[in-house]
PDB file of N, CA and C in Angstrom:
ATOM      1  N   MET A   1     -20.909   9.266  13.343  1.00  0.00           N
ATOM      2  CA  MET A   1     -20.325   8.016  12.961  1.00  0.00           C
ATOM      3  C   MET A   1     -19.411   8.451  12.067  1.00  0.00           C
ATOM      4  N   PRO A   2     -19.946   9.246  11.171  1.00  0.00           N
ATOM      5  CA  PRO A   2     -19.034   9.892   9.809  1.00  0.00           C
ATOM      6  C   PRO A   2     -17.918   9.996  10.276  1.00  0.00           C
ATOM      7  N   VAL A   3     -17.334  10.520  11.247  1.00  0.00           N
ATOM      8  CA  VAL A   3     -16.712  11.393  11.413  1.00  0.00           C
ATOM      9  C   VAL A   3     -15.286  10.685  11.741  1.00  0.00           C
ATOM     10  N   TYR A   4     -16.063   9.015  12.302  1.00  0.00           N
ATOM     11  CA  TYR A   4     -14.535   8.515  12.809  1.00  0.00           C
ATOM     12  C   TYR A   4     -14.361   7.014  11.565  1.00  0.00           C
ATOM     13  N   PHE A   5     -15.480   7.282  11.072  1.00  0.00           N
ATOM     14  CA  PHE A   5     -14.991   6.858   9.358  1.00  0.00           C
ATOM     15  C   PHE A   5     -13.922   7.726   8.601  1.00  0.00           C
ATOM     16  N   ASN A   6     -13.966   8.991   8.578  1.00  0.00           N
ATOM     17  CA  ASN A   6     -13.204   9.848   7.788  1.00  0.00           C
ATOM     18  C   ASN A   6     -11.818   9.875   8.863  1.00  0.00           C
ATOM     19  N   ILE A   7     -11.781   9.632  10.370  1.00  0.00           N
ATOM     20  CA  ILE A   7     -10.469   9.285  11.260  1.00  0.00           C
ATOM     21  C   ILE A   7      -9.951   8.081  10.460  1.00  0.00           C
ATOM     22  N   ALA A   8     -10.511   6.915  10.420  1.00  0.00           N
ATOM     23  CA  ALA A   8     -10.299   5.618  10.380  1.00  0.00           C
ATOM     24  C   ALA A   8      -9.952   5.620   8.280  1.00  0.00           C
ATOM     25  N   GLN A   9     -10.434   6.818   7.843  1.00  0.00           N
ATOM     26  CA  GLN A   9      -9.735   6.638   5.939  1.00  0.00           C
ATOM     27  C   GLN A   9      -8.581   7.429   6.669  1.00  0.00           C
ATOM     28  N   ILE A  10      -8.355   8.051   7.320  1.00  0.00           N
ATOM     29  CA  ILE A  10      -7.141   9.311   7.474  1.00  0.00           C
ATOM     30  C   ILE A  10      -5.834   8.149   7.700  1.00  0.00           C
ATOM     31  N   ILE A  11      -6.013   7.316   8.775  1.00  0.00           N
ATOM     32  CA  ILE A  11      -5.438   6.921   9.545  1.00  0.00           C
ATOM     33  C   ILE A  11      -4.640   5.042   8.257  1.00  0.00           C
ATOM     34  N   ILE A  12      -6.113   4.698   7.938  1.00  0.00           N
ATOM     35  CA  ILE A  12      -5.863   3.517   6.574  1.00  0.00           C
ATOM     36  C   ILE A  12      -4.655   4.462   6.042  1.00  0.00           C
ATOM     37  N   SER A  13      -5.115   5.123   5.363  1.00  0.00           N
ATOM     38  CA  SER A  13      -4.853   6.327   3.605  1.00  0.00           C
ATOM     39  C   SER A  13      -3.016   6.564   4.027  1.00  0.00           C
ATOM     40  N   VAL A  14      -2.751   7.082   5.307  1.00  0.00           N
ATOM     41  CA  VAL A  14      -1.454   7.030   5.618  1.00  0.00           C
ATOM     42  C   VAL A  14      -0.484   5.952   5.731  1.00  0.00           C
ATOM     43  N   ALA A  15      -0.966   4.778   6.525  1.00  0.00           N
ATOM     44  CA  ALA A  15      -0.538   3.709   6.801  1.00  0.00           C
ATOM     45  C   ALA A  15       0.048   2.743   5.750  1.00  0.00           C
ATOM     46  N   LEU A  16      -1.198   2.961   4.239  1.00  0.00           N
ATOM     47  CA  LEU A  16      -0.764   2.148   3.323  1.00  0.00           C
ATOM     48  C   LEU A  16      -0.197   2.656   2.447  1.00  0.00           C
ATOM     49  N   THR A  17       0.319   4.450   2.446  1.00  0.00           N
ATOM     50  CA  THR A  17       1.475   5.644   1.714  1.00  0.00           C
ATOM     51  C   THR A  17       2.171   5.375   2.389  1.00  0.00           C
ATOM     52  N   VAL A  18       2.631   4.482   3.143  1.00  0.00           N
ATOM     53  CA  VAL A  18       4.094   3.988   4.209  1.00  0.00           C
ATOM     54  C   VAL A  18       4.358   2.848   3.409  1.00  0.00           C
ATOM     55  N   ALA A  19       3.359   1.585   3.943  1.00  0.00           N
ATOM     56  CA  ALA A  19       3.893   0.656   3.166  1.00  0.00           C
ATOM     57  C   ALA A  19       3.947   0.259   2.255  1.00  0.00           C
ATOM     58  N   ILE A  20       3.582   1.083   0.838  1.00  0.00           N
ATOM     59  CA  ILE A  20       4.078   1.724  -0.584  1.00  0.00           C
ATOM     60  C   ILE A  20       5.109   2.200  -0.855  1.00  0.00           C
ATOM     61  N   LEU A  21       5.472   2.993   0.287  1.00  0.00           N
ATOM     62  CA  LEU A  21       6.945   3.198   0.267  1.00  0.00           C
ATOM     63  C   LEU A  21       8.155   2.662   0.552  1.00  0.00           C
ATOM     64  N   LEU A  22       7.475   1.777   1.525  1.00  0.00           N
ATOM     65  CA  LEU A  22       8.477   1.003   2.143  1.00  0.00           C
ATOM     66  C   LEU A  22       8.952  -0.603   0.865  1.00  0.00           C
ATOM     67  N   GLN A  23       7.975  -0.158  -0.407  1.00  0.00           N
ATOM     68  CA  GLN A  23       8.182  -1.347  -0.956  1.00  0.00           C
ATOM     69  C   GLN A  23       9.250  -1.466  -2.029  1.00  0.00           C
ATOM     70  N   ILE A  24       9.344   0.324  -2.742  1.00  0.00           N
ATOM     71  CA  ILE A  24      10.292   0.784  -3.233  1.00  0.00           C
ATOM     72  C   ILE A  24      11.761  -0.460  -3.339  1.00  0.00           C
ATOM     73  N   ARG A  25      12.075  -0.637  -4.040  1.00  0.00           N
ATOM     74  CA  ARG A  25      13.356  -1.350  -4.245  1.00  0.00           C
ATOM     75  C   ARG A  25      14.744  -0.458  -4.205  1.00  0.00           C
ATOM     76  N   SER A  26      15.909  -1.013  -4.050  1.00  0.00           N
ATOM     77  CA  SER A  26      17.251   0.059  -4.092  1.00  0.00           C
ATOM     78  C   SER A  26      17.238   0.706  -5.426  1.00  0.00           C
ATOM     79  N   GLY A  27      17.285   1.776  -5.948  1.00  0.00           N
ATOM     80  CA  GLY A  27      18.099   2.141  -7.298  1.00  0.00           C
ATOM     81  C   GLY A  27      16.848   2.836  -7.515  1.00  0.00           C
ATOM     82  N   GLY A  28      16.019   3.096  -6.821  1.00  0.00           N
ATOM     83  CA  GLY A  28      15.267   4.259  -6.956  1.00  0.00           C
ATOM     84  C   GLY A  28      14.328   4.151  -8.468  1.00  0.00           C
ATOM     85  N   LEU A  29      14.863   5.624  -8.996  1.00  0.00           N
ATOM     86  CA  LEU A  29      13.862   5.909 -10.663  1.00  0.00           C
ATOM     87  C   LEU A  29      15.070   5.615 -11.610  1.00  0.00           C
ATOM     88  N   GLY A  30      16.060   5.041 -11.348  1.00  0.00           N
ATOM     89  CA  GLY A  30      17.210   4.007 -12.281  1.00  0.00           C
ATOM     90  C   GLY A  30      16.860   3.167 -12.948  1.00  0.00           C
ATOM     91  N   SER A  31      16.032   2.755 -11.698  1.00  0.00           N
ATOM     92  CA  SER A  31      15.496   1.062 -12.464  1.00  0.00           C
ATOM     93  C   SER A  31      14.760   1.906 -13.497  1.00  0.00           C
ATOM     94  N   VAL A  32      13.667   2.392 -13.884  1.00  0.00           N
ATOM     95  CA  VAL A  32      12.665   2.903 -14.288  1.00  0.00           C
ATOM     96  C   VAL A  32      13.462   2.670 -15.900  1.00  0.00           C
ATOM     97  N   PHE A  33      14.365   3.397 -15.512  1.00  0.00           N
ATOM     98  CA  PHE A  33      15.392   3.875 -17.325  1.00  0.00           C
ATOM     99  C   PHE A  33      15.905   2.732 -17.155  1.00  0.00           C
ATOM    100  N   GLY A  34      15.793   1.898 -17.059  1.00  0.00           N
ATOM    101  CA  GLY A  34      16.862   0.233 -17.105  1.00  0.00           C
ATOM    102  C   GLY A  34      18.503   0.390 -17.085  1.00  0.00           C
ATOM    103  N   GLY A  35      18.187   0.653 -15.387  1.00  0.00           N
ATOM    104  CA  GLY A  35      19.790   1.207 -14.755  1.00  0.00           C
ATOM    105  C   GLY A  35      19.940   0.488 -14.151  1.00  0.00           C
ATOM    106  N   SER A  36      18.982  -1.238 -13.877  1.00  0.00           N
ATOM    107  CA  SER A  36      18.865  -1.813 -12.682  1.00  0.00           C
ATOM    108  C   SER A  36      19.131  -3.189 -13.497  1.00  0.00           C
ATOM    109  N   ASP A  37      20.011  -3.647 -12.857  1.00  0.00           N
ATOM    110  CA  ASP A  37      20.355  -5.427 -13.248  1.00  0.00           C
ATOM    111  C   ASP A  37      19.516  -6.646 -12.613  1.00  0.00           C
ATOM    112  N   HIS A  38      18.637  -6.319 -12.171  1.00  0.00           N
ATOM    113  CA  HIS A  38      17.355  -7.176 -11.610  1.00  0.00           C
ATOM    114  C   HIS A  38      16.858  -7.769 -12.788  1.00  0.00           C
ATOM    115  N   ALA A  39      16.389  -8.959 -12.147  1.00  0.00           N
ATOM    116  CA  ALA A  39      15.136  -9.667 -13.144  1.00  0.00           C
ATOM    117  C   ALA A  39      13.956  -9.056 -13.088  1.00  0.00           C
ATOM    118  N   VAL A  40      13.441  -9.148 -14.520  1.00  0.00           N
ATOM    119  CA  VAL A  40      11.733  -8.647 -14.491  1.00  0.00           C
ATOM    120  C   VAL A  40      11.159  -9.005 -13.487  1.00  0.00           C
ATOM    121  N   TYR A  41      11.062 -10.713 -13.363  1.00  0.00           N
ATOM    122  CA  TYR A  41      10.315 -11.306 -12.217  1.00  0.00           C
ATOM    123  C   TYR A  41      11.408 -12.021 -11.100  1.00  0.00           C
ATOM    124  N   ARG A  42      10.863 -11.472 -10.076  1.00  0.00           N
ATOM    125  CA  ARG A  42      11.168 -12.065  -8.648  1.00  0.00           C
ATOM    126  C   ARG A  42      10.701 -12.284  -7.633  1.00  0.00           C
ATOM    127  N   THR A  43      10.122 -13.529  -7.031  1.00  0.00           N
ATOM    128  CA  THR A  43       9.616 -14.195  -6.210  1.00  0.00           C
ATOM    129  C   THR A  43       9.825 -13.486  -4.543  1.00  0.00           C
ATOM    130  N   ARG A  44       8.513 -13.227  -4.245  1.00  0.00           N
ATOM    131  CA  ARG A  44       8.975 -12.184  -3.293  1.00  0.00           C
ATOM    132  C   ARG A  44       9.277 -13.205  -1.959  1.00  0.00           C
ATOM    133  N   ARG A  45       9.720 -13.006  -0.791  1.00  0.00           N
ATOM    134  CA  ARG A  45      10.083 -14.119   0.341  1.00  0.00           C
ATOM    135  C   ARG A  45      10.823 -12.889   1.663  1.00  0.00           C
ATOM    136  N   GLY A  46       9.964 -13.577   2.423  1.00  0.00           N
ATOM    137  CA  GLY A  46      10.234 -13.136   3.932  1.00  0.00           C
ATOM    138  C   GLY A  46       9.679 -11.928   3.967  1.00  0.00           C
ATOM    139  N   VAL A  47      10.305 -10.998   4.820  1.00  0.00           N
ATOM    140  CA  VAL A  47       9.860  -9.448   5.015  1.00  0.00           C
ATOM    141  C   VAL A  47       9.173  -8.838   3.206  1.00  0.00           C
ATOM    142  N   GLU A  48       9.606  -9.204   2.545  1.00  0.00           N
ATOM    143  CA  GLU A  48       9.041  -8.375   1.304  1.00  0.00           C
ATOM    144  C   GLU A  48       7.305  -8.816   0.752  1.00  0.00           C
ATOM    145  N   ARG A  49       7.175 -10.255   1.053  1.00  0.00           N
ATOM    146  CA  ARG A  49       5.856 -11.338   1.334  1.00  0.00           C
ATOM    147  C   ARG A  49       4.983 -10.289   2.114  1.00  0.00           C
ATOM    148  N   LEU A  50       5.208 -10.956   3.284  1.00  0.00           N
ATOM    149  CA  LEU A  50       5.023  -9.610   4.555  1.00  0.00           C
ATOM    150  C   LEU A  50       4.109  -8.228   4.319  1.00  0.00           C
ATOM    151  N   LEU A  51       5.376  -7.666   3.842  1.00  0.00           N
ATOM    152  CA  LEU A  51       4.417  -6.238   3.120  1.00  0.00           C
ATOM    153  C   LEU A  51       3.553  -6.023   2.160  1.00  0.00           C
ATOM    154  N   PHE A  52       3.945  -6.554   0.938  1.00  0.00           N
ATOM    155  CA  PHE A  52       3.135  -7.053   0.029  1.00  0.00           C
ATOM    156  C   PHE A  52       1.726  -7.432   0.391  1.00  0.00           C
ATOM    157  N   ASN A  53       1.805  -8.795   1.522  1.00  0.00           N
ATOM    158  CA  ASN A  53       0.429  -8.911   2.211  1.00  0.00           C
ATOM    159  C   ASN A  53       0.008  -7.983   3.269  1.00  0.00           C
ATOM    160  N   ILE A  54       0.517  -7.348   3.883  1.00  0.00           N
ATOM    161  CA  ILE A  54      -0.217  -6.228   4.437  1.00  0.00           C
ATOM    162  C   ILE A  54      -1.061  -4.892   3.673  1.00  0.00           C
ATOM    163  N   THR A  55       0.449  -4.559   2.639  1.00  0.00           N
ATOM    164  CA  THR A  55      -0.467  -3.321   1.948  1.00  0.00           C
ATOM    165  C   THR A  55      -1.807  -3.864   1.270  1.00  0.00           C
ATOM    166  N   ILE A  56      -2.418  -5.609   0.520  1.00  0.00           N
ATOM    167  CA  ILE A  56      -3.451  -5.625  -0.155  1.00  0.00           C
ATOM    168  C   ILE A  56      -4.334  -5.804   0.892  1.00  0.00           C
ATOM    169  N   GLY A  57      -3.815  -5.750   2.474  1.00  0.00           N
ATOM    170  CA  GLY A  57      -4.749  -5.673   3.125  1.00  0.00           C
ATOM    171  C   GLY A  57      -5.352  -4.266   3.689  1.00  0.00           C
ATOM    172  N   LEU A  58      -4.662  -3.675   3.738  1.00  0.00           N
ATOM    173  CA  LEU A  58      -5.175  -1.763   3.867  1.00  0.00           C
ATOM    174  C   LEU A  58      -5.336  -1.498   2.589  1.00  0.00           C
ATOM    175  N   VAL A  59      -5.582  -2.022   1.509  1.00  0.00           N
ATOM    176  CA  VAL A  59      -6.101  -1.465  -0.137  1.00  0.00           C
ATOM    177  C   VAL A  59      -7.523  -1.716   0.213  1.00  0.00           C
ATOM    178  N   ILE A  60      -7.566  -3.000   1.189  1.00  0.00           N
ATOM    179  CA  ILE A  60      -9.420  -4.006   1.039  1.00  0.00           C
ATOM    180  C   ILE A  60     -10.078  -2.879   1.990  1.00  0.00           C
ATOM    181  N   ALA A  61      -9.188  -2.915   3.017  1.00  0.00           N
ATOM    182  CA  ALA A  61     -10.020  -1.872   3.937  1.00  0.00           C
ATOM    183  C   ALA A  61     -10.036  -1.194   4.038  1.00  0.00           C
ATOM    184  N   PHE A  62      -9.222   0.283   3.186  1.00  0.00           N
ATOM    185  CA  PHE A  62      -9.370   1.340   2.631  1.00  0.00           C
ATOM    186  C   PHE A  62     -10.376   1.327   1.956  1.00  0.00           C
ATOM    187  N   PHE A  63     -10.856   0.674   1.084  1.00  0.00           N
ATOM    188  CA  PHE A  63     -11.940   0.439  -0.353  1.00  0.00           C
ATOM    189  C   PHE A  63     -12.959   0.134   0.986  1.00  0.00           C
ATOM    190  N   VAL A  64     -13.002  -0.498   1.411  1.00  0.00           N
ATOM    191  CA  VAL A  64     -14.468  -1.109   2.836  1.00  0.00           C
ATOM    192  C   VAL A  64     -14.804   0.321   3.237  1.00  0.00           C
ATOM    193  N   ILE A  65     -14.222   0.673   4.349  1.00  0.00           N
ATOM    194  CA  ILE A  65     -14.475   1.899   5.368  1.00  0.00           C
ATOM    195  C   ILE A  65     -14.718   3.063   4.473  1.00  0.00           C
ATOM    196  N   THR A  66     -13.813   3.513   3.257  1.00  0.00           N
ATOM    197  CA  THR A  66     -14.722   3.812   2.228  1.00  0.00           C
ATOM    198  C   THR A  66     -15.714   3.590   1.300  1.00  0.00           C
ATOM    199  N   ILE A  67     -16.205   2.705   1.093  1.00  0.00           N
ATOM    200  CA  ILE A  67     -17.481   2.679   0.841  1.00  0.00           C
ATOM    201  C   ILE A  67     -18.929   2.765   1.831  1.00  0.00           C
ATOM    202  N   LEU A  68     -18.618   2.545   2.678  1.00  0.00           N
ATOM    203  CA  LEU A  68     -18.988   2.623   4.042  1.00  0.00           C
ATOM    204  C   LEU A  68     -19.976   4.076   4.435  1.00  0.00           C
ATOM    205  N   ASN A  69     -18.458   5.270   4.584  1.00  0.00           N
ATOM    206  CA  ASN A  69     -18.099   5.818   4.448  1.00  0.00           C
ATOM    207  C   ASN A  69     -19.271   6.635   3.711  1.00  0.00           C
ATOM    208  N   VAL A  70     -19.305   6.566   2.418  1.00  0.00           N
ATOM    209  CA  VAL A  70     -20.229   6.944   1.212  1.00  0.00           C
ATOM    210  C   VAL A  70     -21.581   6.309   1.965  1.00  0.00           C
ATOM    211  N   ILE A  71     -21.587   5.355   2.173  1.00  0.00           N
ATOM    212  CA  ILE A  71     -23.431   4.690   2.238  1.00  0.00           C
ATOM    213  C   ILE A  71     -23.697   5.502   3.638  1.00  0.00           C
ATOM    214  N   VAL A  72     -23.238   5.840   4.681  1.00  0.00           N
ATOM    215  CA  VAL A  72     -23.454   6.798   5.531  1.00  0.00           C
ATOM    216  C   VAL A  72     -23.958   7.491   5.325  1.00  0.00           C
ATOM    217  N   SER A  73     -23.177   8.636   4.963  1.00  0.00           N
ATOM    218  CA  SER A  73     -22.672   9.745   4.707  1.00  0.00           C
ATOM    219  C   SER A  73     -23.960  10.261   3.519  1.00  0.00           C
TER     220      SER A  73
END
């Protein structure tokens, strides 16, 4: 059974990494040093909001699978 948890954990971690990388806005590292003209606070709409919610769901799933993997092992 722990093998299935390990496989699920790998799949969720890859999906989580992709979801986080997709959230990076244009500007890259330039915005870290003040090179961006965007406001500090922005409302998420449409695809950004969906991607944010998917990321939250993946984080929760990763946390649950990790805890189950520790308990079962």
